[in-house]
Amino acid sequence: MTIKEYFPPGGLAKVESEITDITYTDRNDVILGQATLPLSNVAKKVAIYCRKLDNGKMEYRAVSAKCPHQGADISQDELKPDGNVYCSLHRRPICIFSEYNYAYLVEKRGEKFFISKSVK
């Protein structure tokens, strides 16, 4: 996957939190899990999208697995080269690695995944 411009994750997390119930899918670019996202107090299904950076390292970002517009499951929707996932229900772009993203940076440590505490 090639994205011409790098955009840092826009989602801000005050504390680090673990993503649990990790499920690998048949796709290389998405992993599923459960997490309590910032600004929420309930664990929800999340989609962790991944892409290889120019330096060869993998970067992971998490978003709710439900479209913020009408709640459709976006976990089966493909990450496009422009850094967006387009909801299969109504084609709304959900920014993951693009300019207006609110995706959370995820760190993989061994077999565990964590939403990273924001530096800002």
N, C-alpha and C. Protein backbone atom coordinates (compact mmCIF):
# COMPACT_ATOMS: atom_id res chain seq x y z
N MET A 1 0.85 -1.17 0.00
CA MET A 1 0.00 0.00 0.00
C MET A 1 0.89 1.23 0.00
N THR A 2 0.56 2.19 -0.84
CA THR A 2 1.34 3.42 -0.91
C THR A 2 0.44 4.61 -0.66
N ILE A 3 0.81 5.39 0.32
CA ILE A 3 0.13 6.65 0.59
C ILE A 3 1.19 7.72 0.42
N LYS A 4 0.91 8.70 -0.43
CA LYS A 4 1.93 9.68 -0.79
C LYS A 4 2.35 10.58 0.36
N GLU A 5 1.45 10.80 1.32
CA GLU A 5 1.75 11.71 2.42
C GLU A 5 1.45 11.01 3.73
N TYR A 6 2.30 11.23 4.74
CA TYR A 6 2.08 10.61 6.05
C TYR A 6 1.31 11.56 6.94
N PHE A 7 0.26 11.04 7.56
CA PHE A 7 -0.51 11.82 8.52
C PHE A 7 -0.47 11.09 9.85
N PRO A 8 -0.02 11.75 10.91
CA PRO A 8 0.03 11.08 12.21
C PRO A 8 -1.38 10.77 12.70
N PRO A 9 -1.51 9.82 13.62
CA PRO A 9 -2.83 9.49 14.14
C PRO A 9 -3.45 10.70 14.83
N GLY A 10 -4.72 10.92 14.57
CA GLY A 10 -5.41 12.09 15.14
C GLY A 10 -6.16 11.81 16.42
N GLY A 11 -6.39 10.54 16.73
CA GLY A 11 -7.10 10.20 17.96
C GLY A 11 -6.19 10.40 19.16
N LEU A 12 -6.70 11.06 20.19
CA LEU A 12 -5.89 11.36 21.37
C LEU A 12 -6.34 10.49 22.54
N ALA A 13 -5.40 9.81 23.14
CA ALA A 13 -5.68 8.94 24.28
C ALA A 13 -4.90 9.44 25.49
N LYS A 14 -5.59 9.68 26.60
CA LYS A 14 -4.93 10.17 27.81
C LYS A 14 -4.19 9.06 28.54
N VAL A 15 -4.65 7.83 28.36
CA VAL A 15 -4.00 6.68 29.00
C VAL A 15 -3.86 5.55 27.99
N GLU A 16 -2.90 4.69 28.24
CA GLU A 16 -2.74 3.51 27.40
C GLU A 16 -3.81 2.49 27.80
N SER A 17 -4.33 1.76 26.80
CA SER A 17 -5.30 0.71 27.12
C SER A 17 -5.08 -0.49 26.21
N GLU A 18 -5.29 -1.67 26.76
CA GLU A 18 -5.07 -2.90 26.01
C GLU A 18 -6.28 -3.22 25.15
N ILE A 19 -6.01 -3.72 23.96
CA ILE A 19 -7.06 -4.25 23.08
C ILE A 19 -7.08 -5.76 23.32
N THR A 20 -8.23 -6.28 23.68
CA THR A 20 -8.34 -7.70 24.03
C THR A 20 -9.12 -8.46 22.96
N ASP A 21 -9.26 -9.75 23.17
CA ASP A 21 -10.03 -10.61 22.26
C ASP A 21 -9.58 -10.45 20.81
N ILE A 22 -8.28 -10.46 20.60
CA ILE A 22 -7.71 -10.27 19.26
C ILE A 22 -8.12 -11.43 18.35
N THR A 23 -8.61 -11.07 17.17
CA THR A 23 -8.99 -12.06 16.16
C THR A 23 -8.35 -11.64 14.85
N TYR A 24 -7.53 -12.52 14.30
CA TYR A 24 -6.92 -12.26 13.00
C TYR A 24 -7.91 -12.63 11.91
N THR A 25 -8.00 -11.80 10.90
CA THR A 25 -8.92 -12.06 9.79
C THR A 25 -8.14 -12.67 8.63
N ASP A 26 -8.83 -12.99 7.57
CA ASP A 26 -8.16 -13.54 6.39
C ASP A 26 -7.50 -12.44 5.55
N ARG A 27 -7.58 -11.20 6.02
CA ARG A 27 -6.95 -10.07 5.31
C ARG A 27 -5.70 -9.64 6.05
N ASN A 28 -4.70 -9.19 5.32
CA ASN A 28 -3.45 -8.75 5.92
C ASN A 28 -3.55 -7.37 6.57
N ASP A 29 -4.56 -6.59 6.21
CA ASP A 29 -4.61 -5.20 6.67
C ASP A 29 -5.57 -4.94 7.82
N VAL A 30 -6.25 -5.96 8.36
CA VAL A 30 -7.20 -5.71 9.45
C VAL A 30 -7.18 -6.85 10.47
N ILE A 31 -7.20 -6.43 11.73
CA ILE A 31 -7.28 -7.33 12.88
C ILE A 31 -8.45 -6.81 13.72
N LEU A 32 -9.19 -7.70 14.33
CA LEU A 32 -10.31 -7.29 15.16
C LEU A 32 -9.98 -7.46 16.64
N GLY A 33 -10.64 -6.69 17.49
CA GLY A 33 -10.45 -6.81 18.92
C GLY A 33 -11.56 -6.09 19.67
N GLN A 34 -11.42 -6.03 20.98
CA GLN A 34 -12.34 -5.31 21.86
C GLN A 34 -11.52 -4.29 22.64
N ALA A 35 -12.04 -3.07 22.73
CA ALA A 35 -11.33 -2.02 23.48
C ALA A 35 -12.30 -0.96 23.95
N THR A 36 -11.92 -0.32 25.04
CA THR A 36 -12.64 0.86 25.48
C THR A 36 -11.91 2.04 24.88
N LEU A 37 -12.51 2.63 23.86
CA LEU A 37 -11.87 3.75 23.18
C LEU A 37 -11.95 5.00 24.05
N PRO A 38 -11.01 5.92 23.89
CA PRO A 38 -11.11 7.19 24.62
C PRO A 38 -12.46 7.85 24.35
N LEU A 39 -12.94 8.57 25.32
CA LEU A 39 -14.25 9.24 25.29
C LEU A 39 -15.41 8.25 25.42
N SER A 40 -15.11 7.02 25.80
CA SER A 40 -16.13 6.01 26.00
C SER A 40 -15.82 5.28 27.30
N ASN A 41 -16.84 4.66 27.87
CA ASN A 41 -16.57 3.86 29.07
C ASN A 41 -17.08 2.43 28.89
N VAL A 42 -17.32 2.05 27.64
CA VAL A 42 -17.82 0.72 27.31
C VAL A 42 -16.90 0.09 26.27
N ALA A 43 -16.52 -1.16 26.49
CA ALA A 43 -15.70 -1.86 25.51
C ALA A 43 -16.53 -2.15 24.26
N LYS A 44 -15.92 -1.92 23.10
CA LYS A 44 -16.60 -2.11 21.82
C LYS A 44 -15.69 -2.86 20.87
N LYS A 45 -16.28 -3.40 19.82
CA LYS A 45 -15.50 -4.04 18.76
C LYS A 45 -14.72 -2.95 18.03
N VAL A 46 -13.43 -3.21 17.84
CA VAL A 46 -12.58 -2.27 17.09
C VAL A 46 -11.93 -3.00 15.93
N ALA A 47 -11.62 -2.24 14.91
CA ALA A 47 -10.85 -2.73 13.79
C ALA A 47 -9.47 -2.09 13.88
N ILE A 48 -8.44 -2.92 13.82
CA ILE A 48 -7.06 -2.43 13.82
C ILE A 48 -6.58 -2.55 12.38
N TYR A 49 -6.36 -1.42 11.74
CA TYR A 49 -5.85 -1.40 10.37
C TYR A 49 -4.34 -1.28 10.41
N CYS A 50 -3.65 -1.97 9.52
CA CYS A 50 -2.19 -1.95 9.51
C CYS A 50 -1.68 -1.65 8.11
N ARG A 51 -0.51 -1.03 8.10
CA ARG A 51 0.18 -0.79 6.82
C ARG A 51 1.66 -0.73 7.08
N LYS A 52 2.41 -1.07 6.07
CA LYS A 52 3.87 -1.04 6.16
C LYS A 52 4.35 0.36 5.81
N LEU A 53 5.19 0.91 6.67
CA LEU A 53 5.78 2.23 6.44
C LEU A 53 6.96 2.11 5.48
N ASP A 54 7.41 3.24 4.97
CA ASP A 54 8.55 3.26 4.05
C ASP A 54 9.81 2.67 4.68
N ASN A 55 9.93 2.76 6.01
CA ASN A 55 11.12 2.22 6.68
C ASN A 55 11.00 0.71 6.95
N GLY A 56 9.91 0.10 6.48
CA GLY A 56 9.73 -1.34 6.62
C GLY A 56 8.97 -1.77 7.86
N LYS A 57 8.76 -0.86 8.80
CA LYS A 57 8.02 -1.19 10.02
C LYS A 57 6.52 -1.14 9.77
N MET A 58 5.77 -1.89 10.58
CA MET A 58 4.31 -1.88 10.49
C MET A 58 3.76 -0.80 11.41
N GLU A 59 2.73 -0.11 10.97
CA GLU A 59 2.01 0.83 11.84
C GLU A 59 0.59 0.33 11.96
N TYR A 60 0.06 0.40 13.18
CA TYR A 60 -1.29 -0.07 13.47
C TYR A 60 -2.12 1.10 13.99
N ARG A 61 -3.37 1.16 13.55
CA ARG A 61 -4.30 2.17 14.04
C ARG A 61 -5.66 1.54 14.28
N ALA A 62 -6.30 1.96 15.36
CA ALA A 62 -7.60 1.38 15.73
C ALA A 62 -8.71 2.42 15.62
N VAL A 63 -9.85 1.95 15.18
CA VAL A 63 -11.09 2.73 15.15
C VAL A 63 -12.22 1.80 15.55
N SER A 64 -13.35 2.39 15.89
CA SER A 64 -14.54 1.57 16.13
C SER A 64 -14.84 0.79 14.87
N ALA A 65 -15.27 -0.44 15.03
CA ALA A 65 -15.61 -1.26 13.86
C ALA A 65 -16.96 -0.87 13.27
N LYS A 66 -17.62 0.11 13.87
CA LYS A 66 -18.90 0.59 13.35
C LYS A 66 -18.74 1.98 12.75
N CYS A 67 -19.35 2.16 11.60
CA CYS A 67 -19.33 3.47 10.94
C CYS A 67 -19.98 4.50 11.86
N PRO A 68 -19.37 5.67 12.02
CA PRO A 68 -19.96 6.69 12.89
C PRO A 68 -21.25 7.29 12.34
N HIS A 69 -21.55 7.07 11.07
CA HIS A 69 -22.73 7.66 10.44
C HIS A 69 -24.00 6.86 10.72
N GLN A 70 -23.99 5.57 10.36
CA GLN A 70 -25.20 4.77 10.54
C GLN A 70 -24.94 3.43 11.23
N GLY A 71 -23.74 3.24 11.78
CA GLY A 71 -23.46 2.06 12.57
C GLY A 71 -23.16 0.79 11.81
N ALA A 72 -22.94 0.88 10.50
CA ALA A 72 -22.62 -0.32 9.72
C ALA A 72 -21.26 -0.87 10.14
N ASP A 73 -21.09 -2.18 10.05
CA ASP A 73 -19.83 -2.83 10.38
C ASP A 73 -18.83 -2.54 9.26
N ILE A 74 -17.75 -1.83 9.59
CA ILE A 74 -16.75 -1.48 8.57
C ILE A 74 -15.56 -2.44 8.58
N SER A 75 -15.58 -3.43 9.46
CA SER A 75 -14.41 -4.29 9.61
C SER A 75 -14.13 -5.14 8.37
N GLN A 76 -15.08 -5.27 7.48
CA GLN A 76 -14.87 -6.01 6.24
C GLN A 76 -14.52 -5.09 5.07
N ASP A 77 -14.53 -3.78 5.33
CA ASP A 77 -14.25 -2.82 4.26
C ASP A 77 -12.75 -2.60 4.13
N GLU A 78 -12.30 -2.54 2.91
CA GLU A 78 -10.87 -2.50 2.58
C GLU A 78 -10.26 -1.11 2.82
N LEU A 79 -9.04 -1.12 3.34
CA LEU A 79 -8.25 0.11 3.45
C LEU A 79 -7.73 0.44 2.06
N LYS A 80 -8.11 1.59 1.55
CA LYS A 80 -7.73 2.00 0.19
C LYS A 80 -6.38 2.72 0.20
N PRO A 81 -5.73 2.82 -0.97
CA PRO A 81 -4.43 3.49 -1.05
C PRO A 81 -4.43 4.95 -0.59
N ASP A 82 -5.61 5.59 -0.54
CA ASP A 82 -5.66 6.98 -0.08
C ASP A 82 -5.70 7.09 1.45
N GLY A 83 -5.65 5.95 2.16
CA GLY A 83 -5.65 5.96 3.62
C GLY A 83 -7.02 5.93 4.25
N ASN A 84 -8.05 5.75 3.46
CA ASN A 84 -9.42 5.71 3.96
C ASN A 84 -10.04 4.32 3.80
N VAL A 85 -11.03 4.06 4.63
CA VAL A 85 -11.92 2.91 4.48
C VAL A 85 -13.25 3.53 4.08
N TYR A 86 -13.90 2.96 3.08
CA TYR A 86 -15.18 3.49 2.63
C TYR A 86 -16.28 2.55 3.06
N CYS A 87 -17.20 3.05 3.88
CA CYS A 87 -18.29 2.24 4.41
C CYS A 87 -19.06 1.59 3.27
N SER A 88 -19.23 0.28 3.34
CA SER A 88 -19.94 -0.43 2.28
C SER A 88 -21.42 -0.10 2.24
N LEU A 89 -21.96 0.44 3.32
CA LEU A 89 -23.38 0.80 3.34
C LEU A 89 -23.67 2.05 2.52
N HIS A 90 -22.85 3.08 2.66
CA HIS A 90 -23.17 4.34 1.96
C HIS A 90 -21.94 5.09 1.47
N ARG A 91 -20.75 4.44 1.48
CA ARG A 91 -19.52 4.96 0.88
C ARG A 91 -18.90 6.13 1.62
N ARG A 92 -19.32 6.40 2.84
CA ARG A 92 -18.68 7.47 3.61
C ARG A 92 -17.23 7.09 3.90
N PRO A 93 -16.27 8.02 3.68
CA PRO A 93 -14.88 7.70 4.00
C PRO A 93 -14.64 7.78 5.51
N ILE A 94 -13.96 6.79 6.03
CA ILE A 94 -13.52 6.80 7.41
C ILE A 94 -11.99 6.88 7.33
N CYS A 95 -11.47 8.00 7.79
CA CYS A 95 -10.04 8.28 7.65
C CYS A 95 -9.24 7.48 8.68
N ILE A 96 -8.31 6.68 8.19
CA ILE A 96 -7.45 5.88 9.06
C ILE A 96 -6.02 6.40 9.01
N PHE A 97 -5.50 6.52 7.81
CA PHE A 97 -4.13 7.01 7.61
C PHE A 97 -4.14 8.28 6.76
N SER A 98 -5.25 8.99 6.72
CA SER A 98 -5.34 10.19 5.88
C SER A 98 -5.55 11.43 6.74
N GLU A 99 -5.72 12.54 6.10
CA GLU A 99 -5.65 13.85 6.73
C GLU A 99 -6.59 14.08 7.91
N TYR A 100 -7.82 13.66 7.83
CA TYR A 100 -8.81 14.01 8.86
C TYR A 100 -9.08 12.86 9.82
N ASN A 101 -8.11 11.99 10.02
CA ASN A 101 -8.33 10.80 10.83
C ASN A 101 -8.44 11.10 12.32
N TYR A 102 -9.23 10.27 12.98
CA TYR A 102 -9.30 10.25 14.43
C TYR A 102 -8.97 8.84 14.92
N ALA A 103 -8.16 8.15 14.13
CA ALA A 103 -7.74 6.80 14.48
C ALA A 103 -6.70 6.88 15.59
N TYR A 104 -6.67 5.85 16.41
CA TYR A 104 -5.75 5.79 17.54
C TYR A 104 -4.53 4.96 17.18
N LEU A 105 -3.35 5.46 17.54
CA LEU A 105 -2.12 4.73 17.31
C LEU A 105 -2.11 3.49 18.21
N VAL A 106 -1.72 2.37 17.63
CA VAL A 106 -1.68 1.10 18.35
C VAL A 106 -0.26 0.57 18.33
N GLU A 107 0.20 0.07 19.47
CA GLU A 107 1.50 -0.59 19.55
C GLU A 107 1.27 -2.08 19.72
N LYS A 108 2.06 -2.87 19.01
CA LYS A 108 2.03 -4.31 19.17
C LYS A 108 3.25 -4.70 20.00
N ARG A 109 3.02 -5.40 21.10
CA ARG A 109 4.09 -5.88 21.97
C ARG A 109 3.92 -7.38 22.13
N GLY A 110 4.77 -8.13 21.49
CA GLY A 110 4.60 -9.58 21.47
C GLY A 110 3.33 -9.90 20.71
N GLU A 111 2.41 -10.56 21.35
CA GLU A 111 1.12 -10.88 20.73
C GLU A 111 0.00 -9.96 21.21
N LYS A 112 0.33 -8.95 22.01
CA LYS A 112 -0.67 -8.04 22.56
C LYS A 112 -0.66 -6.70 21.82
N PHE A 113 -1.83 -6.05 21.81
CA PHE A 113 -1.98 -4.75 21.17
C PHE A 113 -2.48 -3.75 22.21
N PHE A 114 -1.95 -2.50 22.12
CA PHE A 114 -2.33 -1.46 23.06
C PHE A 114 -2.59 -0.16 22.30
N ILE A 115 -3.67 0.54 22.70
CA ILE A 115 -3.88 1.91 22.21
C ILE A 115 -2.87 2.76 22.96
N SER A 116 -2.02 3.46 22.23
CA SER A 116 -0.93 4.23 22.83
C SER A 116 -1.42 5.53 23.45
N LYS A 117 -0.82 5.87 24.56
CA LYS A 117 -1.07 7.18 25.17
C LYS A 117 -0.51 8.23 24.23
N SER A 118 -1.29 9.28 23.98
CA SER A 118 -0.86 10.35 23.08
C SER A 118 0.23 11.19 23.73
N VAL A 119 1.13 11.65 22.92
CA VAL A 119 2.23 12.47 23.41
C VAL A 119 1.80 13.92 23.58
N LYS A 120 0.79 14.33 22.85
CA LYS A 120 0.34 15.74 22.87
C LYS A 120 -0.15 16.17 24.22
